[in-house]
Protein backbone atom coordinates (compact mmCIF):
# COMPACT_ATOMS: atom_id res chain seq x y z
CA UNK A 1 0.00 0.00 0.00
CA UNK A 2 1.43 3.31 -1.11
CA UNK A 3 0.71 6.28 1.14
CA UNK A 4 1.40 9.47 -0.74
CA UNK A 5 1.77 12.90 0.85
CA UNK A 6 -1.43 14.00 -0.85
CA UNK A 7 -3.38 11.13 0.78
CA UNK A 8 -1.95 12.06 4.18
CA UNK A 9 -2.82 15.73 3.63
CA UNK A 10 -6.30 14.76 2.45
CA UNK A 11 -6.88 12.59 5.52
CA UNK A 12 -5.59 15.38 7.76
CA UNK A 13 -7.89 17.90 6.06
CA UNK A 14 -10.90 15.58 6.53
CA UNK A 15 -10.02 15.12 10.19
CA UNK A 16 -9.66 18.86 10.60
CA UNK A 17 -13.09 19.43 9.04
CA UNK A 18 -14.62 16.79 11.34
CA UNK A 19 -13.15 18.51 14.38
CA UNK A 20 -14.32 21.96 13.29
CA UNK A 21 -17.84 20.57 12.76
CA UNK A 22 -17.72 19.01 16.24
CA UNK A 23 -16.58 22.32 17.74
CA UNK A 24 -19.46 24.11 15.99
CA UNK A 25 -22.00 21.61 17.38
CA UNK A 26 -20.60 21.75 20.90
CA UNK A 27 -20.36 25.55 20.86
CA UNK A 28 -24.09 25.66 20.20
CA UNK A 29 -24.64 23.28 23.12
CA UNK A 30 -22.58 25.55 25.38
CA UNK A 31 -24.66 28.57 24.37
CA UNK A 32 -27.91 26.68 24.91
CA UNK A 33 -26.70 25.39 28.27
CA UNK A 34 -25.74 28.80 29.62
CA UNK A 35 -29.19 30.17 28.77
CA UNK A 36 -30.88 27.14 30.34
CA UNK A 37 -28.82 27.61 33.51
CA UNK A 38 -29.61 31.33 33.57
CA UNK A 39 -33.34 30.66 33.25
CA UNK A 40 -33.23 27.98 35.97
CA UNK A 41 -31.43 30.36 38.35
CA UNK A 42 -34.04 33.05 37.73
CA UNK A 43 -36.89 30.65 38.45
CA UNK A 44 -35.26 29.41 41.67
CA UNK A 45 -34.69 32.95 42.87
CA UNK A 46 -37.96 34.49 41.67
CA UNK A 47 -40.21 31.74 43.05
CA UNK A 48 -38.10 31.43 46.20
CA UNK A 49 -37.63 27.73 45.56
CA UNK A 50 -34.45 27.92 47.61
CA UNK A 51 -36.64 28.48 50.71
CA UNK A 52 -38.62 25.32 49.98
CA UNK A 53 -35.25 23.56 49.78
CA UNK A 54 -34.33 24.70 53.29
CA UNK A 55 -32.24 27.80 52.53
CA UNK A 56 -32.92 31.24 53.93
CA UNK A 57 -31.25 33.01 51.02
CA UNK A 58 -30.65 32.25 47.36
CA UNK A 59 -26.92 32.85 47.83
CA UNK A 60 -26.81 30.15 50.51
CA UNK A 61 -28.11 27.63 48.00
CA UNK A 62 -25.47 28.67 45.48
CA UNK A 63 -22.68 28.31 48.00
CA UNK A 64 -23.87 25.19 49.80
CA UNK A 65 -24.50 23.27 46.59
CA UNK A 66 -21.37 24.62 44.90
CA UNK A 67 -23.42 25.75 41.94
CA UNK A 68 -21.38 28.84 41.12
CA UNK A 69 -20.27 32.09 42.62
CA UNK A 70 -22.82 34.77 43.44
CA UNK A 71 -21.54 37.28 40.89
CA UNK A 72 -21.55 34.71 38.07
CA UNK A 73 -25.08 33.64 38.97
CA UNK A 74 -26.32 37.22 38.97
CA UNK A 75 -24.64 37.91 35.61
CA UNK A 76 -26.40 34.93 34.06
CA UNK A 77 -29.68 35.93 35.66
CA UNK A 78 -29.36 39.46 34.28
CA UNK A 79 -28.97 38.00 30.81
CA UNK A 80 -32.07 35.81 31.24
CA UNK A 81 -34.08 38.77 32.50
CA UNK A 82 -33.07 41.31 29.86
CA UNK A 83 -32.02 39.55 26.66
CA UNK A 84 -34.42 37.43 24.58
CA UNK A 85 -33.36 33.78 24.51
CA UNK A 86 -32.69 33.76 20.77
CA UNK A 87 -30.44 36.82 21.07
CA UNK A 88 -28.57 35.36 24.07
CA UNK A 89 -28.00 32.14 22.13
CA UNK A 90 -26.48 33.96 19.19
CA UNK A 91 -24.42 36.34 21.32
CA UNK A 92 -23.00 34.00 23.92
CA UNK A 93 -22.59 34.82 27.60
CA UNK A 94 -19.88 37.48 27.42
CA UNK A 95 -21.44 39.59 24.67
CA UNK A 96 -24.92 39.20 26.10
CA UNK A 97 -23.76 40.38 29.52
CA UNK A 98 -21.89 43.30 27.96
CA UNK A 99 -25.18 44.43 26.43
CA UNK A 100 -27.00 44.06 29.76
CA UNK A 101 -24.41 46.19 31.53
């Protein structure tokens, strides 16, 4: 079997394209996930679900469960409260929060 440089380059190019496609798919998942998390945090805080779970304050839930830091949670919640979901998905967390600020 003769492996020519062009076959190696072609296989490498195909693999590169596969990886870029995977990155694109997973990037979309990341964007969807951050919006889902933001919306869940808002619901927990707004409906005081943390109290039903035995916490006096929303921040106690965040800390005790190791969910995330307070400032990160409030950034995500600001996005969910002020940016339409479709816009937040296309912008990503950093750009969406920059608009909220």
